PDB file of N, CA and C in Angstrom:
ATOM      1  N   MET A   1       5.674 -33.538 -17.178  1.00  0.00           N
ATOM      2  CA  MET A   1       4.712 -32.608 -17.735  1.00  0.00           C
ATOM      3  C   MET A   1       4.086 -31.810 -16.592  1.00  0.00           C
ATOM      4  N   LYS A   2       4.049 -30.520 -16.774  1.00  0.00           N
ATOM      5  CA  LYS A   2       3.499 -29.634 -15.758  1.00  0.00           C
ATOM      6  C   LYS A   2       1.978 -29.695 -15.789  1.00  0.00           C
ATOM      7  N   LYS A   3       1.390 -29.864 -14.606  1.00  0.00           N
ATOM      8  CA  LYS A   3      -0.062 -29.935 -14.479  1.00  0.00           C
ATOM      9  C   LYS A   3      -0.659 -28.537 -14.628  1.00  0.00           C
ATOM     10  N   VAL A   4      -1.671 -28.392 -15.481  1.00  0.00           N
ATOM     11  CA  VAL A   4      -2.349 -27.117 -15.676  1.00  0.00           C
ATOM     12  C   VAL A   4      -3.527 -27.054 -14.719  1.00  0.00           C
ATOM     13  N   VAL A   5      -3.568 -26.019 -13.936  1.00  0.00           N
ATOM     14  CA  VAL A   5      -4.631 -25.837 -12.956  1.00  0.00           C
ATOM     15  C   VAL A   5      -5.541 -24.718 -13.435  1.00  0.00           C
ATOM     16  N   GLN A   6      -6.845 -24.995 -13.470  1.00  0.00           N
ATOM     17  CA  GLN A   6      -7.800 -23.959 -13.830  1.00  0.00           C
ATOM     18  C   GLN A   6      -7.930 -22.984 -12.675  1.00  0.00           C
ATOM     19  N   VAL A   7      -7.825 -21.717 -12.978  1.00  0.00           N
ATOM     20  CA  VAL A   7      -7.915 -20.678 -11.965  1.00  0.00           C
ATOM     21  C   VAL A   7      -9.097 -19.790 -12.315  1.00  0.00           C
ATOM     22  N   GLU A   8      -9.945 -19.575 -11.327  1.00  0.00           N
ATOM     23  CA  GLU A   8     -11.110 -18.719 -11.522  1.00  0.00           C
ATOM     24  C   GLU A   8     -10.674 -17.290 -11.824  1.00  0.00           C
ATOM     25  N   ALA A   9     -11.270 -16.699 -12.859  1.00  0.00           N
ATOM     26  CA  ALA A   9     -10.989 -15.300 -13.170  1.00  0.00           C
ATOM     27  C   ALA A   9     -11.728 -14.425 -12.161  1.00  0.00           C
ATOM     28  N   LEU A  10     -11.023 -13.477 -11.608  1.00  0.00           N
ATOM     29  CA  LEU A  10     -11.605 -12.564 -10.629  1.00  0.00           C
ATOM     30  C   LEU A  10     -11.486 -11.131 -11.130  1.00  0.00           C
ATOM     31  N   THR A  11     -12.397 -10.300 -10.709  1.00  0.00           N
ATOM     32  CA  THR A  11     -12.300  -8.872 -10.999  1.00  0.00           C
ATOM     33  C   THR A  11     -11.459  -8.236  -9.903  1.00  0.00           C
ATOM     34  N   PRO A  12     -10.403  -7.536 -10.279  1.00  0.00           N
ATOM     35  CA  PRO A  12      -9.568  -6.894  -9.251  1.00  0.00           C
ATOM     36  C   PRO A  12     -10.380  -5.887  -8.433  1.00  0.00           C
ATOM     37  N   PRO A  13      -9.945  -5.608  -7.207  1.00  0.00           N
ATOM     38  CA  PRO A  13     -10.641  -4.633  -6.371  1.00  0.00           C
ATOM     39  C   PRO A  13     -10.715  -3.265  -7.044  1.00  0.00           C
ATOM     40  N   GLU A  14     -11.768  -2.536  -6.758  1.00  0.00           N
ATOM     41  CA  GLU A  14     -11.935  -1.180  -7.281  1.00  0.00           C
ATOM     42  C   GLU A  14     -11.119  -0.200  -6.450  1.00  0.00           C
ATOM     43  N   VAL A  15     -10.505   0.749  -7.113  1.00  0.00           N
ATOM     44  CA  VAL A  15      -9.783   1.797  -6.402  1.00  0.00           C
ATOM     45  C   VAL A  15     -10.297   3.178  -6.810  1.00  0.00           C
ATOM     46  N   GLN A  16     -11.451   3.201  -7.448  1.00  0.00           N
ATOM     47  CA  GLN A  16     -12.020   4.479  -7.873  1.00  0.00           C
ATOM     48  C   GLN A  16     -12.290   5.363  -6.668  1.00  0.00           C
ATOM     49  N   GLY A  17     -11.992   6.630  -6.821  1.00  0.00           N
ATOM     50  CA  GLY A  17     -12.210   7.578  -5.740  1.00  0.00           C
ATOM     51  C   GLY A  17     -10.945   7.961  -5.013  1.00  0.00           C
ATOM     52  N   LEU A  18      -9.855   7.290  -5.310  1.00  0.00           N
ATOM     53  CA  LEU A  18      -8.591   7.595  -4.651  1.00  0.00           C
ATOM     54  C   LEU A  18      -7.969   8.883  -5.191  1.00  0.00           C
ATOM     55  N   ALA A  19      -8.205   9.186  -6.462  1.00  0.00           N
ATOM     56  CA  ALA A  19      -7.595  10.368  -7.081  1.00  0.00           C
ATOM     57  C   ALA A  19      -7.967  11.672  -6.365  1.00  0.00           C
ATOM     58  N   PRO A  20      -9.250  11.924  -6.045  1.00  0.00           N
ATOM     59  CA  PRO A  20      -9.566  13.161  -5.317  1.00  0.00           C
ATOM     60  C   PRO A  20      -8.909  13.207  -3.932  1.00  0.00           C
ATOM     61  N   THR A  21      -8.810  12.063  -3.283  1.00  0.00           N
ATOM     62  CA  THR A  21      -8.137  12.007  -1.977  1.00  0.00           C
ATOM     63  C   THR A  21      -6.680  12.394  -2.142  1.00  0.00           C
ATOM     64  N   GLN A  22      -6.031  11.851  -3.171  1.00  0.00           N
ATOM     65  CA  GLN A  22      -4.622  12.163  -3.402  1.00  0.00           C
ATOM     66  C   GLN A  22      -4.440  13.652  -3.677  1.00  0.00           C
ATOM     67  N   LEU A  23      -5.325  14.252  -4.463  1.00  0.00           N
ATOM     68  CA  LEU A  23      -5.225  15.686  -4.738  1.00  0.00           C
ATOM     69  C   LEU A  23      -5.393  16.520  -3.472  1.00  0.00           C
ATOM     70  N   SER A  24      -6.284  16.095  -2.596  1.00  0.00           N
ATOM     71  CA  SER A  24      -6.464  16.850  -1.354  1.00  0.00           C
ATOM     72  C   SER A  24      -5.230  16.732  -0.458  1.00  0.00           C
ATOM     73  N   PHE A  25      -4.549  15.592  -0.505  1.00  0.00           N
ATOM     74  CA  PHE A  25      -3.288  15.448   0.227  1.00  0.00           C
ATOM     75  C   PHE A  25      -2.242  16.400  -0.325  1.00  0.00           C
ATOM     76  N   LEU A  26      -2.186  16.511  -1.648  1.00  0.00           N
ATOM     77  CA  LEU A  26      -1.226  17.420  -2.267  1.00  0.00           C
ATOM     78  C   LEU A  26      -1.483  18.853  -1.829  1.00  0.00           C
ATOM     79  N   ASP A  27      -2.734  19.278  -1.886  1.00  0.00           N
ATOM     80  CA  ASP A  27      -3.088  20.631  -1.479  1.00  0.00           C
ATOM     81  C   ASP A  27      -2.703  20.877  -0.019  1.00  0.00           C
ATOM     82  N   TYR A  28      -3.063  19.956   0.842  1.00  0.00           N
ATOM     83  CA  TYR A  28      -2.747  20.104   2.266  1.00  0.00           C
ATOM     84  C   TYR A  28      -1.240  20.165   2.507  1.00  0.00           C
ATOM     85  N   GLN A  29      -0.520  19.216   1.921  1.00  0.00           N
ATOM     86  CA  GLN A  29       0.931  19.140   2.122  1.00  0.00           C
ATOM     87  C   GLN A  29       1.604  20.442   1.691  1.00  0.00           C
ATOM     88  N   LEU A  30       1.260  20.925   0.516  1.00  0.00           N
ATOM     89  CA  LEU A  30       1.894  22.147   0.014  1.00  0.00           C
ATOM     90  C   LEU A  30       1.556  23.361   0.872  1.00  0.00           C
ATOM     91  N   ARG A  31       0.310  23.456   1.305  1.00  0.00           N
ATOM     92  CA  ARG A  31      -0.103  24.613   2.109  1.00  0.00           C
ATOM     93  C   ARG A  31       0.436  24.543   3.532  1.00  0.00           C
ATOM     94  N   ALA A  32       0.505  23.356   4.087  1.00  0.00           N
ATOM     95  CA  ALA A  32       0.919  23.209   5.484  1.00  0.00           C
ATOM     96  C   ALA A  32       2.432  23.162   5.651  1.00  0.00           C
ATOM     97  N   PHE A  33       3.132  22.517   4.715  1.00  0.00           N
ATOM     98  CA  PHE A  33       4.560  22.260   4.905  1.00  0.00           C
ATOM     99  C   PHE A  33       5.439  22.691   3.741  1.00  0.00           C
ATOM    100  N   GLY A  34       4.853  23.093   2.637  1.00  0.00           N
ATOM    101  CA  GLY A  34       5.646  23.475   1.476  1.00  0.00           C
ATOM    102  C   GLY A  34       6.127  22.264   0.693  1.00  0.00           C
ATOM    103  N   GLN A  35       6.883  22.554  -0.336  1.00  0.00           N
ATOM    104  CA  GLN A  35       7.389  21.502  -1.236  1.00  0.00           C
ATOM    105  C   GLN A  35       8.502  20.713  -0.551  1.00  0.00           C
ATOM    106  N   ARG A  36       8.425  19.407  -0.648  1.00  0.00           N
ATOM    107  CA  ARG A  36       9.501  18.531  -0.167  1.00  0.00           C
ATOM    108  C   ARG A  36       9.822  17.547  -1.282  1.00  0.00           C
ATOM    109  N   SER A  37      11.010  17.007  -1.242  1.00  0.00           N
ATOM    110  CA  SER A  37      11.454  16.115  -2.317  1.00  0.00           C
ATOM    111  C   SER A  37      10.842  14.722  -2.188  1.00  0.00           C
ATOM    112  N   ALA A  38      10.816  14.035  -3.310  1.00  0.00           N
ATOM    113  CA  ALA A  38      10.361  12.637  -3.305  1.00  0.00           C
ATOM    114  C   ALA A  38      11.280  11.792  -2.425  1.00  0.00           C
ATOM    115  N   SER A  39      12.558  12.117  -2.409  1.00  0.00           N
ATOM    116  CA  SER A  39      13.505  11.375  -1.566  1.00  0.00           C
ATOM    117  C   SER A  39      13.129  11.487  -0.094  1.00  0.00           C
ATOM    118  N   PHE A  40      12.747  12.686   0.337  1.00  0.00           N
ATOM    119  CA  PHE A  40      12.312  12.875   1.721  1.00  0.00           C
ATOM    120  C   PHE A  40      11.139  11.952   2.026  1.00  0.00           C
ATOM    121  N   PHE A  41      10.147  11.954   1.127  1.00  0.00           N
ATOM    122  CA  PHE A  41       8.951  11.141   1.379  1.00  0.00           C
ATOM    123  C   PHE A  41       9.233   9.641   1.274  1.00  0.00           C
ATOM    124  N   ALA A  42      10.171   9.246   0.412  1.00  0.00           N
ATOM    125  CA  ALA A  42      10.544   7.827   0.339  1.00  0.00           C
ATOM    126  C   ALA A  42      11.159   7.371   1.656  1.00  0.00           C
ATOM    127  N   LEU A  43      12.022   8.209   2.202  1.00  0.00           N
ATOM    128  CA  LEU A  43      12.633   7.877   3.491  1.00  0.00           C
ATOM    129  C   LEU A  43      11.588   7.884   4.602  1.00  0.00           C
ATOM    130  N   GLU A  44      10.685   8.846   4.560  1.00  0.00           N
ATOM    131  CA  GLU A  44       9.606   8.889   5.551  1.00  0.00           C
ATOM    132  C   GLU A  44       8.741   7.629   5.461  1.00  0.00           C
ATOM    133  N   LEU A  45       8.416   7.235   4.238  1.00  0.00           N
ATOM    134  CA  LEU A  45       7.603   6.039   4.032  1.00  0.00           C
ATOM    135  C   LEU A  45       8.303   4.796   4.573  1.00  0.00           C
ATOM    136  N   ALA A  46       9.586   4.674   4.297  1.00  0.00           N
ATOM    137  CA  ALA A  46      10.349   3.530   4.813  1.00  0.00           C
ATOM    138  C   ALA A  46      10.341   3.517   6.336  1.00  0.00           C
ATOM    139  N   GLY A  47      10.514   4.673   6.932  1.00  0.00           N
ATOM    140  CA  GLY A  47      10.505   4.762   8.395  1.00  0.00           C
ATOM    141  C   GLY A  47       9.159   4.379   8.983  1.00  0.00           C
ATOM    142  N   GLU A  48       8.090   4.888   8.388  1.00  0.00           N
ATOM    143  CA  GLU A  48       6.751   4.582   8.896  1.00  0.00           C
ATOM    144  C   GLU A  48       6.411   3.103   8.713  1.00  0.00           C
ATOM    145  N   CYS A  49       6.803   2.535   7.567  1.00  0.00           N
ATOM    146  CA  CYS A  49       6.591   1.089   7.360  1.00  0.00           C
ATOM    147  C   CYS A  49       7.363   0.288   8.397  1.00  0.00           C
ATOM    148  N   GLY A  50       8.557   0.744   8.705  1.00  0.00           N
ATOM    149  CA  GLY A  50       9.368   0.075   9.720  1.00  0.00           C
ATOM    150  C   GLY A  50       8.725   0.116  11.092  1.00  0.00           C
ATOM    151  N   GLU A  51       8.130   1.260  11.438  1.00  0.00           N
ATOM    152  CA  GLU A  51       7.462   1.368  12.737  1.00  0.00           C
ATOM    153  C   GLU A  51       6.262   0.425  12.817  1.00  0.00           C
ATOM    154  N   LEU A  52       5.488   0.346  11.738  1.00  0.00           N
ATOM    155  CA  LEU A  52       4.342  -0.568  11.712  1.00  0.00           C
ATOM    156  C   LEU A  52       4.816  -2.023  11.768  1.00  0.00           C
ATOM    157  N   ALA A  53       5.834  -2.334  10.987  1.00  0.00           N
ATOM    158  CA  ALA A  53       6.374  -3.696  10.969  1.00  0.00           C
ATOM    159  C   ALA A  53       6.930  -4.088  12.337  1.00  0.00           C
ATOM    160  N   ASN A  54       7.548  -3.162  13.021  1.00  0.00           N
ATOM    161  CA  ASN A  54       8.105  -3.453  14.340  1.00  0.00           C
ATOM    162  C   ASN A  54       6.998  -3.812  15.334  1.00  0.00           C
ATOM    163  N   LEU A  55       5.878  -3.087  15.272  1.00  0.00           N
ATOM    164  CA  LEU A  55       4.749  -3.437  16.145  1.00  0.00           C
ATOM    165  C   LEU A  55       4.232  -4.839  15.832  1.00  0.00           C
ATOM    166  N   GLU A  56       4.114  -5.156  14.538  1.00  0.00           N
ATOM    167  CA  GLU A  56       3.649  -6.492  14.141  1.00  0.00           C
ATOM    168  C   GLU A  56       4.639  -7.570  14.567  1.00  0.00           C
ATOM    169  N   LYS A  57       5.929  -7.270  14.473  1.00  0.00           N
ATOM    170  CA  LYS A  57       6.947  -8.229  14.916  1.00  0.00           C
ATOM    171  C   LYS A  57       6.771  -8.542  16.394  1.00  0.00           C
ATOM    172  N   LYS A  58       6.511  -7.511  17.180  1.00  0.00           N
ATOM    173  CA  LYS A  58       6.315  -7.713  18.609  1.00  0.00           C
ATOM    174  C   LYS A  58       5.085  -8.565  18.879  1.00  0.00           C
ATOM    175  N   LEU A  59       4.021  -8.347  18.123  1.00  0.00           N
ATOM    176  CA  LEU A  59       2.814  -9.170  18.277  1.00  0.00           C
ATOM    177  C   LEU A  59       3.063 -10.607  17.832  1.00  0.00           C
ATOM    178  N   TRP A  60       3.822 -10.781  16.757  1.00  0.00           N
ATOM    179  CA  TRP A  60       4.130 -12.119  16.260  1.00  0.00           C
ATOM    180  C   TRP A  60       4.994 -12.870  17.257  1.00  0.00           C
ATOM    181  N   ARG A  61       5.985 -12.177  17.793  1.00  0.00           N
ATOM    182  CA  ARG A  61       6.917 -12.796  18.732  1.00  0.00           C
ATOM    183  C   ARG A  61       6.232 -13.153  20.043  1.00  0.00           C
ATOM    184  N   ASP A  62       5.317 -12.297  20.499  1.00  0.00           N
ATOM    185  CA  ASP A  62       4.636 -12.499  21.767  1.00  0.00           C
ATOM    186  C   ASP A  62       3.163 -12.129  21.612  1.00  0.00           C
ATOM    187  N   PRO A  63       2.330 -13.088  21.175  1.00  0.00           N
ATOM    188  CA  PRO A  63       0.911 -12.803  20.929  1.00  0.00           C
ATOM    189  C   PRO A  63       0.156 -12.277  22.154  1.00  0.00           C
ATOM    190  N   GLU A  64       0.687 -12.534  23.340  1.00  0.00           N
ATOM    191  CA  GLU A  64       0.032 -12.048  24.560  1.00  0.00           C
ATOM    192  C   GLU A  64       0.400 -10.596  24.878  1.00  0.00           C
ATOM    193  N   ARG A  65       1.366 -10.078  24.139  1.00  0.00           N
ATOM    194  CA  ARG A  65       1.834  -8.711  24.372  1.00  0.00           C
ATOM    195  C   ARG A  65       0.701  -7.721  24.111  1.00  0.00           C
ATOM    196  N   ALA A  66       0.601  -6.755  24.965  1.00  0.00           N
ATOM    197  CA  ALA A  66      -0.423  -5.725  24.799  1.00  0.00           C
ATOM    198  C   ALA A  66       0.115  -4.635  23.878  1.00  0.00           C
ATOM    199  N   VAL A  67      -0.433  -4.585  22.674  1.00  0.00           N
ATOM    200  CA  VAL A  67      -0.122  -3.502  21.741  1.00  0.00           C
ATOM    201  C   VAL A  67      -1.432  -2.788  21.489  1.00  0.00           C
ATOM    202  N   ASP A  68      -1.436  -1.520  21.805  1.00  0.00           N
ATOM    203  CA  ASP A  68      -2.627  -0.703  21.673  1.00  0.00           C
ATOM    204  C   ASP A  68      -3.080  -0.662  20.212  1.00  0.00           C
ATOM    205  N   SER A  69      -4.341  -0.989  19.956  1.00  0.00           N
ATOM    206  CA  SER A  69      -4.851  -0.973  18.585  1.00  0.00           C
ATOM    207  C   SER A  69      -4.801   0.433  17.995  1.00  0.00           C
ATOM    208  N   GLN A  70      -4.897   1.458  18.842  1.00  0.00           N
ATOM    209  CA  GLN A  70      -4.774   2.833  18.347  1.00  0.00           C
ATOM    210  C   GLN A  70      -3.369   3.098  17.812  1.00  0.00           C
ATOM    211  N   HIS A  71      -2.370   2.498  18.458  1.00  0.00           N
ATOM    212  CA  HIS A  71      -0.990   2.644  17.987  1.00  0.00           C
ATOM    213  C   HIS A  71      -0.831   2.015  16.605  1.00  0.00           C
ATOM    214  N   LEU A  72      -1.410   0.824  16.419  1.00  0.00           N
ATOM    215  CA  LEU A  72      -1.376   0.172  15.105  1.00  0.00           C
ATOM    216  C   LEU A  72      -2.090   1.026  14.064  1.00  0.00           C
ATOM    217  N   SER A  73      -3.250   1.557  14.429  1.00  0.00           N
ATOM    218  CA  SER A  73      -4.015   2.411  13.505  1.00  0.00           C
ATOM    219  C   SER A  73      -3.223   3.650  13.127  1.00  0.00           C
ATOM    220  N   ASP A  74      -2.589   4.263  14.110  1.00  0.00           N
ATOM    221  CA  ASP A  74      -1.799   5.468  13.850  1.00  0.00           C
ATOM    222  C   ASP A  74      -0.641   5.180  12.897  1.00  0.00           C
ATOM    223  N   GLU A  75       0.038   4.064  13.107  1.00  0.00           N
ATOM    224  CA  GLU A  75       1.167   3.734  12.235  1.00  0.00           C
ATOM    225  C   GLU A  75       0.688   3.407  10.824  1.00  0.00           C
ATOM    226  N   ALA A  76      -0.433   2.710  10.695  1.00  0.00           N
ATOM    227  CA  ALA A  76      -0.985   2.425   9.368  1.00  0.00           C
ATOM    228  C   ALA A  76      -1.366   3.731   8.671  1.00  0.00           C
ATOM    229  N   ALA A  77      -1.943   4.660   9.409  1.00  0.00           N
ATOM    230  CA  ALA A  77      -2.299   5.967   8.834  1.00  0.00           C
ATOM    231  C   ALA A  77      -1.048   6.717   8.400  1.00  0.00           C
ATOM    232  N   ASP A  78       0.008   6.646   9.199  1.00  0.00           N
ATOM    233  CA  ASP A  78       1.263   7.300   8.828  1.00  0.00           C
ATOM    234  C   ASP A  78       1.819   6.744   7.513  1.00  0.00           C
ATOM    235  N   VAL A  79       1.708   5.431   7.329  1.00  0.00           N
ATOM    236  CA  VAL A  79       2.170   4.799   6.092  1.00  0.00           C
ATOM    237  C   VAL A  79       1.365   5.344   4.909  1.00  0.00           C
ATOM    238  N   PHE A  80       0.054   5.419   5.065  1.00  0.00           N
ATOM    239  CA  PHE A  80      -0.810   5.912   3.990  1.00  0.00           C
ATOM    240  C   PHE A  80      -0.480   7.362   3.648  1.00  0.00           C
ATOM    241  N   ILE A  81      -0.332   8.192   4.663  1.00  0.00           N
ATOM    242  CA  ILE A  81      -0.018   9.606   4.452  1.00  0.00           C
ATOM    243  C   ILE A  81       1.322   9.754   3.734  1.00  0.00           C
ATOM    244  N   ALA A  82       2.327   9.022   4.183  1.00  0.00           N
ATOM    245  CA  ALA A  82       3.649   9.101   3.547  1.00  0.00           C
ATOM    246  C   ALA A  82       3.591   8.611   2.103  1.00  0.00           C
ATOM    247  N   LEU A  83       2.787   7.584   1.843  1.00  0.00           N
ATOM    248  CA  LEU A  83       2.642   7.084   0.478  1.00  0.00           C
ATOM    249  C   LEU A  83       1.970   8.129  -0.410  1.00  0.00           C
ATOM    250  N   MET A  84       0.925   8.754   0.077  1.00  0.00           N
ATOM    251  CA  MET A  84       0.252   9.818  -0.691  1.00  0.00           C
ATOM    252  C   MET A  84       1.248  10.929  -1.026  1.00  0.00           C
ATOM    253  N   ASN A  85       2.012  11.348  -0.034  1.00  0.00           N
ATOM    254  CA  ASN A  85       2.970  12.433  -0.249  1.00  0.00           C
ATOM    255  C   ASN A  85       4.078  12.030  -1.219  1.00  0.00           C
ATOM    256  N   TYR A  86       4.542  10.782  -1.126  1.00  0.00           N
ATOM    257  CA  TYR A  86       5.567  10.306  -2.055  1.00  0.00           C
ATOM    258  C   TYR A  86       5.029  10.315  -3.490  1.00  0.00           C
ATOM    259  N   CYS A  87       3.842   9.767  -3.665  1.00  0.00           N
ATOM    260  CA  CYS A  87       3.256   9.713  -5.014  1.00  0.00           C
ATOM    261  C   CYS A  87       3.072  11.110  -5.585  1.00  0.00           C
ATOM    262  N   ASN A  88       2.610  12.031  -4.768  1.00  0.00           N
ATOM    263  CA  ASN A  88       2.451  13.402  -5.241  1.00  0.00           C
ATOM    264  C   ASN A  88       3.787  14.015  -5.632  1.00  0.00           C
ATOM    265  N   ALA A  89       4.809  13.776  -4.845  1.00  0.00           N
ATOM    266  CA  ALA A  89       6.127  14.340  -5.142  1.00  0.00           C
ATOM    267  C   ALA A  89       6.711  13.758  -6.426  1.00  0.00           C
ATOM    268  N   ARG A  90       6.362  12.510  -6.739  1.00  0.00           N
ATOM    269  CA  ARG A  90       6.866  11.836  -7.935  1.00  0.00           C
ATOM    270  C   ARG A  90       5.922  11.982  -9.133  1.00  0.00           C
ATOM    271  N   GLY A  91       4.763  12.590  -8.933  1.00  0.00           N
ATOM    272  CA  GLY A  91       3.802  12.723 -10.029  1.00  0.00           C
ATOM    273  C   GLY A  91       3.121  11.413 -10.383  1.00  0.00           C
ATOM    274  N   ILE A  92       3.021  10.512  -9.434  1.00  0.00           N
ATOM    275  CA  ILE A  92       2.369   9.214  -9.634  1.00  0.00           C
ATOM    276  C   ILE A  92       0.896   9.354  -9.261  1.00  0.00           C
ATOM    277  N   THR A  93       0.021   9.012 -10.186  1.00  0.00           N
ATOM    278  CA  THR A  93      -1.404   8.974  -9.883  1.00  0.00           C
ATOM    279  C   THR A  93      -1.685   7.582  -9.329  1.00  0.00           C
ATOM    280  N   LEU A  94      -1.805   7.500  -8.025  1.00  0.00           N
ATOM    281  CA  LEU A  94      -1.870   6.206  -7.349  1.00  0.00           C
ATOM    282  C   LEU A  94      -3.075   5.385  -7.792  1.00  0.00           C
ATOM    283  N   GLU A  95      -4.213   6.016  -7.995  1.00  0.00           N
ATOM    284  CA  GLU A  95      -5.411   5.270  -8.400  1.00  0.00           C
ATOM    285  C   GLU A  95      -5.170   4.491  -9.691  1.00  0.00           C
ATOM    286  N   SER A  96      -4.654   5.145 -10.718  1.00  0.00           N
ATOM    287  CA  SER A  96      -4.429   4.442 -11.979  1.00  0.00           C
ATOM    288  C   SER A  96      -3.260   3.460 -11.864  1.00  0.00           C
ATOM    289  N   ALA A  97      -2.242   3.797 -11.070  1.00  0.00           N
ATOM    290  CA  ALA A  97      -1.115   2.880 -10.890  1.00  0.00           C
ATOM    291  C   ALA A  97      -1.558   1.591 -10.200  1.00  0.00           C
ATOM    292  N   VAL A  98      -2.394   1.726  -9.166  1.00  0.00           N
ATOM    293  CA  VAL A  98      -2.878   0.543  -8.444  1.00  0.00           C
ATOM    294  C   VAL A  98      -3.801  -0.276  -9.333  1.00  0.00           C
ATOM    295  N   GLN A  99      -4.694   0.381 -10.054  1.00  0.00           N
ATOM    296  CA  GLN A  99      -5.618  -0.344 -10.933  1.00  0.00           C
ATOM    297  C   GLN A  99      -4.843  -1.128 -11.980  1.00  0.00           C
ATOM    298  N   SER A 100      -3.850  -0.502 -12.589  1.00  0.00           N
ATOM    299  CA  SER A 100      -3.038  -1.173 -13.600  1.00  0.00           C
ATOM    300  C   SER A 100      -2.290  -2.366 -12.996  1.00  0.00           C
ATOM    301  N   LYS A 101      -1.718  -2.175 -11.826  1.00  0.00           N
ATOM    302  CA  LYS A 101      -0.967  -3.252 -11.170  1.00  0.00           C
ATOM    303  C   LYS A 101      -1.882  -4.417 -10.810  1.00  0.00           C
ATOM    304  N   LEU A 102      -3.076  -4.114 -10.294  1.00  0.00           N
ATOM    305  CA  LEU A 102      -4.025  -5.177  -9.946  1.00  0.00           C
ATOM    306  C   LEU A 102      -4.424  -5.991 -11.172  1.00  0.00           C
ATOM    307  N   GLU A 103      -4.593  -5.322 -12.299  1.00  0.00           N
ATOM    308  CA  GLU A 103      -4.936  -6.039 -13.540  1.00  0.00           C
ATOM    309  C   GLU A 103      -3.809  -6.970 -13.964  1.00  0.00           C
ATOM    310  N   ARG A 104      -2.562  -6.510 -13.836  1.00  0.00           N
ATOM    311  CA  ARG A 104      -1.416  -7.356 -14.186  1.00  0.00           C
ATOM    312  C   ARG A 104      -1.256  -8.517 -13.210  1.00  0.00           C
ATOM    313  N   ILE A 105      -1.523  -8.259 -11.928  1.00  0.00           N
ATOM    314  CA  ILE A 105      -1.465  -9.329 -10.930  1.00  0.00           C
ATOM    315  C   ILE A 105      -2.510 -10.390 -11.249  1.00  0.00           C
ATOM    316  N   GLU A 106      -3.721  -9.954 -11.573  1.00  0.00           N
ATOM    317  CA  GLU A 106      -4.789 -10.914 -11.887  1.00  0.00           C
ATOM    318  C   GLU A 106      -4.433 -11.747 -13.112  1.00  0.00           C
ATOM    319  N   LEU A 107      -3.870 -11.129 -14.127  1.00  0.00           N
ATOM    320  CA  LEU A 107      -3.459 -11.865 -15.316  1.00  0.00           C
ATOM    321  C   LEU A 107      -2.404 -12.913 -14.964  1.00  0.00           C
ATOM    322  N   ARG A 108      -1.415 -12.521 -14.195  1.00  0.00           N
ATOM    323  CA  ARG A 108      -0.369 -13.467 -13.779  1.00  0.00           C
ATOM    324  C   ARG A 108      -0.940 -14.567 -12.886  1.00  0.00           C
ATOM    325  N   ARG A 109      -1.894 -14.211 -12.017  1.00  0.00           N
ATOM    326  CA  ARG A 109      -2.525 -15.200 -11.150  1.00  0.00           C
ATOM    327  C   ARG A 109      -3.265 -16.234 -11.978  1.00  0.00           C
ATOM    328  N   GLN A 110      -3.998 -15.776 -12.999  1.00  0.00           N
ATOM    329  CA  GLN A 110      -4.741 -16.705 -13.869  1.00  0.00           C
ATOM    330  C   GLN A 110      -3.807 -17.604 -14.670  1.00  0.00           C
ATOM    331  N   GLN A 111      -2.609 -17.110 -14.942  1.00  0.00           N
ATOM    332  CA  GLN A 111      -1.613 -17.902 -15.686  1.00  0.00           C
ATOM    333  C   GLN A 111      -0.813 -18.821 -14.764  1.00  0.00           C
ATOM    334  N   GLY A 112      -1.162 -18.843 -13.475  1.00  0.00           N
ATOM    335  CA  GLY A 112      -0.496 -19.720 -12.522  1.00  0.00           C
ATOM    336  C   GLY A 112       0.868 -19.248 -12.082  1.00  0.00           C
ATOM    337  N   GLN A 113       1.146 -17.948 -12.232  1.00  0.00           N
ATOM    338  CA  GLN A 113       2.461 -17.416 -11.900  1.00  0.00           C
ATOM    339  C   GLN A 113       2.493 -16.735 -10.539  1.00  0.00           C
ATOM    340  N   MET A 114       1.449 -16.843  -9.752  1.00  0.00           N
ATOM    341  CA  MET A 114       1.388 -16.119  -8.472  1.00  0.00           C
ATOM    342  C   MET A 114       1.331 -17.063  -7.273  1.00  0.00           C
ATOM    343  N   GLY A 115       1.728 -18.291  -7.451  1.00  0.00           N
ATOM    344  CA  GLY A 115       1.718 -19.226  -6.340  1.00  0.00           C
ATOM    345  C   GLY A 115       0.404 -19.977  -6.230  1.00  0.00           C
ATOM    346  N   PRO A 116       0.234 -20.717  -5.168  1.00  0.00           N
ATOM    347  CA  PRO A 116      -0.965 -21.547  -5.026  1.00  0.00           C
ATOM    348  C   PRO A 116      -2.219 -20.691  -4.864  1.00  0.00           C
ATOM    349  N   THR A 117      -3.319 -21.241  -5.361  1.00  0.00           N
ATOM    350  CA  THR A 117      -4.614 -20.584  -5.185  1.00  0.00           C
ATOM    351  C   THR A 117      -5.414 -21.347  -4.147  1.00  0.00           C
ATOM    352  N   PRO A 118      -6.311 -20.667  -3.449  1.00  0.00           N
ATOM    353  CA  PRO A 118      -7.118 -21.370  -2.440  1.00  0.00           C
ATOM    354  C   PRO A 118      -7.962 -22.464  -3.070  1.00  0.00           C
ATOM    355  N   SER A 119      -8.157 -23.556  -2.330  1.00  0.00           N
ATOM    356  CA  SER A 119      -9.002 -24.627  -2.874  1.00  0.00           C
ATOM    357  C   SER A 119     -10.423 -24.491  -2.423  1.00  0.00           C
TER     358      SER A 119
END
């Protein structure tokens, strides 16, 4: 018999305010660089995530390694920018998509489908 574990219900994080930011990214992108395809931005996003992951891999492999925190910040910003541009190219409203996903994650977490919970 599977043991039922009580899981505290939590309110997912708020993402309100992201929509105006996303719209300003769209305006900037179109005015500065013109229309680009979602495929372009998906590839850009993958590349930027890879650059950030590579820095983290180096830190994980050698914790004494000097990795400039500004470099990490820049790569994280690149990931965010590429994500905004991808969502705009695909017509995804990131604020509502994230809010919906967080609600589904919380429901699954409460049902014990998201792995162990902190004690």
